[in-house]
Protein backbone atom coordinates (compact mmCIF):
# COMPACT_ATOMS: atom_id res chain seq x y z
CA UNK A 1 0.00 0.00 0.00
CA UNK A 2 1.13 3.53 -0.74
CA UNK A 3 0.73 5.84 2.27
CA UNK A 4 -0.22 9.01 0.38
CA UNK A 5 -2.77 7.20 -1.79
CA UNK A 6 -4.14 4.61 0.61
CA UNK A 7 -3.55 6.20 4.03
CA UNK A 8 -1.60 3.23 5.34
CA UNK A 9 1.44 1.13 4.54
CA UNK A 10 2.69 -2.26 5.62
CA UNK A 11 6.07 -3.55 6.71
CA UNK A 12 6.34 -7.24 5.83
CA UNK A 13 8.88 -9.02 8.04
CA UNK A 14 9.13 -5.89 10.19
CA UNK A 15 10.19 -7.65 13.41
CA UNK A 16 12.88 -10.27 13.74
CA UNK A 17 11.82 -13.53 15.37
CA UNK A 18 13.88 -12.66 18.48
CA UNK A 19 12.35 -9.18 18.76
CA UNK A 20 8.83 -10.54 18.28
CA UNK A 21 9.45 -13.10 21.03
CA UNK A 22 10.77 -10.37 23.34
CA UNK A 23 7.73 -8.17 22.69
CA UNK A 24 5.32 -11.07 23.17
CA UNK A 25 6.93 -11.85 26.53
CA UNK A 26 6.81 -8.19 27.63
CA UNK A 27 3.20 -7.96 26.48
CA UNK A 28 2.21 -11.11 28.38
CA UNK A 29 3.87 -9.77 31.55
CA UNK A 30 2.07 -6.41 31.30
CA UNK A 31 -1.31 -7.99 30.59
CA UNK A 32 -1.17 -10.79 33.20
CA UNK A 33 -2.49 -8.62 36.04
CA UNK A 34 -5.11 -6.90 33.89
CA UNK A 35 -6.43 -10.19 32.55
CA UNK A 36 -6.77 -11.51 36.11
CA UNK A 37 -9.02 -8.48 36.73
CA UNK A 38 -11.05 -9.23 33.59
CA UNK A 39 -9.58 -6.36 31.57
CA UNK A 40 -8.20 -6.74 28.06
CA UNK A 41 -6.92 -3.23 27.37
CA UNK A 42 -3.93 -1.37 28.84
CA UNK A 43 -4.02 2.32 27.93
CA UNK A 44 -1.57 3.44 30.60
CA UNK A 45 1.88 2.38 29.37
CA UNK A 46 4.46 4.93 30.50
CA UNK A 47 7.41 5.32 28.11
CA UNK A 48 9.74 5.86 31.11
CA UNK A 49 8.81 2.44 32.53
CA UNK A 50 11.61 -0.07 31.88
CA UNK A 51 8.94 -2.62 30.89
CA UNK A 52 8.12 -0.42 27.87
CA UNK A 53 11.64 -0.77 26.44
CA UNK A 54 10.91 -3.70 24.08
CA UNK A 55 8.00 -1.73 22.61
CA UNK A 56 10.04 1.44 22.35
CA UNK A 57 12.70 -0.42 20.36
CA UNK A 58 10.07 -1.06 17.67
CA UNK A 59 9.83 2.69 17.19
CA UNK A 60 13.58 2.96 16.67
CA UNK A 61 13.62 0.79 13.53
CA UNK A 62 15.27 2.87 10.77
CA UNK A 63 12.62 1.94 8.19
CA UNK A 64 9.86 3.16 10.46
CA UNK A 65 11.77 6.30 11.46
CA UNK A 66 12.29 7.17 7.80
CA UNK A 67 8.56 6.86 7.09
CA UNK A 68 7.58 8.81 10.21
CA UNK A 69 9.96 11.60 9.28
CA UNK A 70 8.23 11.92 5.90
CA UNK A 71 4.69 11.66 7.25
CA UNK A 72 4.91 13.52 10.55
CA UNK A 73 7.79 15.88 9.90
CA UNK A 74 10.47 16.57 12.44
CA UNK A 75 10.45 16.47 15.36
CA UNK A 76 7.82 13.84 16.06
CA UNK A 77 6.69 12.32 19.33
CA UNK A 78 5.54 8.86 20.36
CA UNK A 79 2.43 9.89 22.25
CA UNK A 80 1.15 6.68 23.74
CA UNK A 81 1.22 2.91 23.68
CA UNK A 82 -1.99 0.94 23.90
CA UNK A 83 -2.01 -2.81 24.45
CA UNK A 84 -5.00 -5.02 23.59
CA UNK A 85 -5.39 -8.68 24.49
CA UNK A 86 -8.29 -10.38 22.76
CA UNK A 87 -8.65 -13.83 24.25
CA UNK A 88 -10.62 -16.59 22.48
CA UNK A 89 -14.30 -15.88 23.01
CA UNK A 90 -13.60 -12.26 23.97
CA UNK A 91 -16.54 -9.90 23.96
CA UNK A 92 -14.23 -6.85 23.70
CA UNK A 93 -14.87 -5.00 20.48
CA UNK A 94 -13.21 -2.02 18.90
CA UNK A 95 -15.83 -0.38 16.69
CA UNK A 96 -15.02 0.87 13.21
CA UNK A 97 -13.26 4.17 13.58
CA UNK A 98 -10.71 6.39 11.90
CA UNK A 99 -7.64 7.49 13.86
CA UNK A 100 -7.44 11.18 13.00
CA UNK A 101 -6.21 14.52 14.22
CA UNK A 102 -9.35 14.75 16.37
CA UNK A 103 -8.32 11.74 18.46
CA UNK A 104 -4.94 13.13 19.48
CA UNK A 105 -4.53 16.06 21.83
CA UNK A 106 -2.04 18.80 21.03
CA UNK A 107 -2.74 19.05 17.31
CA UNK A 108 -4.24 22.25 15.94
CA UNK A 109 -5.73 21.12 12.67
CA UNK A 110 -8.83 21.93 10.74
CA UNK A 111 -10.69 19.55 8.46
CA UNK A 112 -9.44 21.61 5.51
CA UNK A 113 -5.72 21.29 6.34
CA UNK A 114 -6.13 17.59 7.13
CA UNK A 115 -7.93 16.90 3.83
CA UNK A 116 -5.41 18.95 1.85
CA UNK A 117 -2.46 17.15 3.43
CA UNK A 118 -0.76 20.50 4.05
CA UNK A 119 0.64 19.65 7.47
CA UNK A 120 2.31 16.55 8.90
CA UNK A 121 -0.13 14.53 10.95
CA UNK A 122 -0.54 11.84 13.60
CA UNK A 123 0.17 8.25 12.65
CA UNK A 124 -0.95 5.02 14.28
CA UNK A 125 1.40 2.03 14.30
CA UNK A 126 -0.45 -1.26 14.71
CA UNK A 127 1.61 -4.38 15.38
CA UNK A 128 -0.03 -7.79 15.67
CA UNK A 129 1.90 -10.04 18.04
CA UNK A 130 -0.07 -13.11 17.04
CA UNK A 131 -1.45 -14.27 13.71
CA UNK A 132 -4.23 -11.84 12.83
CA UNK A 133 -6.93 -12.30 10.23
CA UNK A 134 -10.46 -11.13 9.63
CA UNK A 135 -11.67 -14.28 11.38
CA UNK A 136 -9.56 -13.58 14.48
CA UNK A 137 -10.40 -9.88 14.65
CA UNK A 138 -7.40 -8.46 12.81
CA UNK A 139 -7.14 -4.86 11.65
CA UNK A 140 -9.02 -3.91 8.51
CA UNK A 141 -8.13 -0.83 6.44
CA UNK A 142 -10.21 1.11 3.93
CA UNK A 143 -7.83 2.49 1.27
CA UNK A 144 -8.19 6.23 0.74
CA UNK A 145 -10.47 6.75 3.76
CA UNK A 146 -7.95 9.17 5.31
CA UNK A 147 -8.98 11.76 2.71
CA UNK A 148 -12.60 11.84 3.90
């Protein structure tokens, strides 16, 4: 997919097997307590927390940094990390939505500047740690929707 045209791009073979294993382990550790409490979402990951280091390393991949520099401009900021655990039979749903300038605080955009692509903008990085498909609730993208 072409980012400008489609509004998203993919990175096949983005993580090495060792890095994926490290992230899966860190994810499982973070989610263990929440799952015991019946929660499947962690919205409170602090970048300064040592447990966030494996996730932060994902953001330091040169391929990703190059893309972010083009899309967001410099400097850019990693605003937050959200972790979702969808267990088999989970009733947790994430409704159809569009991550936009309106969902991120600190951006002073208008619909006109967003539609015209005149300013760098927020980007969402979605990384599946397990096999994801439509059947298992994987991410679905609508090409070109970012222009609406």
